[in-house]
Amino acid sequence: MTNLLMLIPVALLLGLIGLVAFLWALKSGQFDDLDGAAHRILFEDDDAPPPTKPSE
């Protein structure tokens, strides 16, 4: 019975940790540009690769 009573505080603690991690991710800008990478892959880079020097 005591093991069953420990599940509630452990579940609340894990939920609180998850909420803090989510709020930290929001504050640090993790979700600022969700579409940028998805659109960037559709366009080709027109820049030529830099020339390489022949090895001597």
N, C-alpha and C. Protein backbone atom coordinates (compact mmCIF):
# COMPACT_ATOMS: atom_id res chain seq x y z
N MET A 1 0.82 -1.20 0.00
CA MET A 1 0.00 0.00 0.00
C MET A 1 0.86 1.27 0.00
N THR A 2 2.00 1.23 0.68
CA THR A 2 2.86 2.41 0.72
C THR A 2 3.49 2.67 -0.65
N ASN A 3 3.75 1.62 -1.41
CA ASN A 3 4.29 1.82 -2.76
C ASN A 3 3.27 2.52 -3.65
N LEU A 4 2.01 2.20 -3.46
CA LEU A 4 0.96 2.82 -4.24
C LEU A 4 0.81 4.30 -3.89
N LEU A 5 1.01 4.64 -2.63
CA LEU A 5 0.92 6.03 -2.20
C LEU A 5 2.10 6.87 -2.70
N MET A 6 3.20 6.23 -3.01
CA MET A 6 4.37 6.95 -3.53
C MET A 6 4.22 7.31 -5.00
N LEU A 7 3.28 6.68 -5.71
CA LEU A 7 3.12 6.96 -7.14
C LEU A 7 2.60 8.37 -7.39
N ILE A 8 1.73 8.87 -6.52
CA ILE A 8 1.16 10.20 -6.73
C ILE A 8 2.22 11.29 -6.61
N PRO A 9 3.04 11.34 -5.57
CA PRO A 9 4.08 12.38 -5.53
C PRO A 9 5.12 12.24 -6.64
N VAL A 10 5.45 11.01 -7.00
CA VAL A 10 6.42 10.80 -8.08
C VAL A 10 5.83 11.29 -9.40
N ALA A 11 4.56 11.01 -9.65
CA ALA A 11 3.91 11.47 -10.88
C ALA A 11 3.83 13.00 -10.91
N LEU A 12 3.51 13.61 -9.78
CA LEU A 12 3.45 15.07 -9.72
C LEU A 12 4.84 15.68 -9.94
N LEU A 13 5.86 15.08 -9.38
CA LEU A 13 7.22 15.57 -9.56
C LEU A 13 7.66 15.47 -11.01
N LEU A 14 7.38 14.35 -11.66
CA LEU A 14 7.74 14.19 -13.06
C LEU A 14 6.97 15.17 -13.95
N GLY A 15 5.70 15.39 -13.63
CA GLY A 15 4.92 16.37 -14.38
C GLY A 15 5.47 17.77 -14.21
N LEU A 16 5.89 18.12 -13.00
CA LEU A 16 6.47 19.43 -12.75
C LEU A 16 7.79 19.59 -13.49
N ILE A 17 8.60 18.56 -13.50
CA ILE A 17 9.87 18.60 -14.24
C ILE A 17 9.61 18.79 -15.74
N GLY A 18 8.62 18.09 -16.27
CA GLY A 18 8.27 18.25 -17.68
C GLY A 18 7.77 19.64 -18.00
N LEU A 19 6.96 20.21 -17.10
CA LEU A 19 6.46 21.57 -17.30
C LEU A 19 7.58 22.59 -17.27
N VAL A 20 8.50 22.44 -16.33
CA VAL A 20 9.65 23.35 -16.25
C VAL A 20 10.51 23.24 -17.51
N ALA A 21 10.73 22.02 -18.01
CA ALA A 21 11.53 21.84 -19.22
C ALA A 21 10.84 22.48 -20.43
N PHE A 22 9.52 22.35 -20.51
CA PHE A 22 8.78 22.96 -21.62
C PHE A 22 8.84 24.47 -21.55
N LEU A 23 8.66 25.04 -20.37
CA LEU A 23 8.72 26.49 -20.22
C LEU A 23 10.12 27.03 -20.51
N TRP A 24 11.14 26.27 -20.13
CA TRP A 24 12.51 26.68 -20.45
C TRP A 24 12.73 26.67 -21.97
N ALA A 25 12.20 25.65 -22.65
CA ALA A 25 12.35 25.59 -24.11
C ALA A 25 11.62 26.75 -24.78
N LEU A 26 10.46 27.12 -24.27
CA LEU A 26 9.75 28.28 -24.82
C LEU A 26 10.55 29.56 -24.63
N LYS A 27 11.10 29.73 -23.43
CA LYS A 27 11.82 30.97 -23.12
C LYS A 27 13.14 31.07 -23.89
N SER A 28 13.77 29.94 -24.18
CA SER A 28 15.06 29.97 -24.87
C SER A 28 14.92 30.03 -26.39
N GLY A 29 13.68 30.04 -26.90
CA GLY A 29 13.48 30.23 -28.34
C GLY A 29 13.52 28.96 -29.16
N GLN A 30 13.28 27.82 -28.57
CA GLN A 30 13.32 26.57 -29.32
C GLN A 30 12.21 26.47 -30.36
N PHE A 31 11.10 27.17 -30.16
CA PHE A 31 9.94 27.04 -31.03
C PHE A 31 9.71 28.31 -31.84
N ASP A 32 10.71 29.13 -32.04
CA ASP A 32 10.54 30.40 -32.73
C ASP A 32 10.29 30.22 -34.23
N ASP A 33 11.05 29.36 -34.90
CA ASP A 33 10.96 29.21 -36.35
C ASP A 33 10.72 27.75 -36.70
N LEU A 34 9.45 27.35 -36.67
CA LEU A 34 9.13 25.95 -36.94
C LEU A 34 9.14 25.63 -38.43
N ASP A 35 8.86 26.62 -39.27
CA ASP A 35 8.74 26.37 -40.70
C ASP A 35 10.01 26.69 -41.49
N GLY A 36 10.97 27.34 -40.87
CA GLY A 36 12.16 27.78 -41.59
C GLY A 36 12.95 26.64 -42.21
N ALA A 37 13.25 25.63 -41.43
CA ALA A 37 14.03 24.50 -41.94
C ALA A 37 13.24 23.71 -42.98
N ALA A 38 11.95 23.61 -42.82
CA ALA A 38 11.12 22.88 -43.77
C ALA A 38 11.09 23.58 -45.13
N HIS A 39 11.08 24.90 -45.13
CA HIS A 39 11.07 25.64 -46.39
C HIS A 39 12.46 25.76 -46.97
N ARG A 40 13.47 25.81 -46.14
CA ARG A 40 14.85 25.99 -46.61
C ARG A 40 15.32 24.82 -47.45
N ILE A 41 14.82 23.62 -47.16
CA ILE A 41 15.29 22.44 -47.90
C ILE A 41 14.72 22.40 -49.31
N LEU A 42 13.65 23.16 -49.57
CA LEU A 42 13.03 23.14 -50.88
C LEU A 42 13.77 23.98 -51.91
N PHE A 43 14.60 24.89 -51.47
CA PHE A 43 15.29 25.80 -52.38
C PHE A 43 16.74 25.39 -52.52
N GLU A 44 17.22 25.45 -53.77
CA GLU A 44 18.62 25.10 -54.03
C GLU A 44 19.53 26.27 -53.70
N ASP A 45 20.73 25.96 -53.31
CA ASP A 45 21.73 26.99 -53.11
C ASP A 45 22.35 27.30 -54.46
N ASP A 46 22.35 28.57 -54.85
CA ASP A 46 22.93 28.97 -56.12
C ASP A 46 24.41 29.26 -56.02
N ASP A 47 24.93 29.26 -54.81
CA ASP A 47 26.35 29.55 -54.62
C ASP A 47 27.20 28.36 -55.05
N ALA A 48 28.26 28.66 -55.78
CA ALA A 48 29.20 27.61 -56.19
C ALA A 48 30.09 27.24 -55.01
N PRO A 49 30.49 26.00 -54.91
CA PRO A 49 31.39 25.64 -53.82
C PRO A 49 32.74 26.34 -53.97
N PRO A 50 33.41 26.62 -52.89
CA PRO A 50 34.71 27.31 -53.00
C PRO A 50 35.72 26.44 -53.72
N PRO A 51 36.61 27.07 -54.50
CA PRO A 51 37.62 26.27 -55.22
C PRO A 51 38.60 25.64 -54.23
N THR A 52 39.03 24.46 -54.59
CA THR A 52 40.01 23.76 -53.74
C THR A 52 41.39 23.91 -54.34
N LYS A 53 42.38 24.01 -53.49
CA LYS A 53 43.76 24.13 -53.95
C LYS A 53 44.30 22.72 -54.23
N PRO A 54 45.01 22.57 -55.33
CA PRO A 54 45.63 21.25 -55.56
C PRO A 54 46.75 21.01 -54.55
N SER A 55 46.85 19.79 -54.09
CA SER A 55 47.90 19.49 -53.11
C SER A 55 49.25 19.45 -53.83
N GLU A 56 50.23 20.00 -53.16
CA GLU A 56 51.58 20.05 -53.77
C GLU A 56 52.46 18.99 -53.20
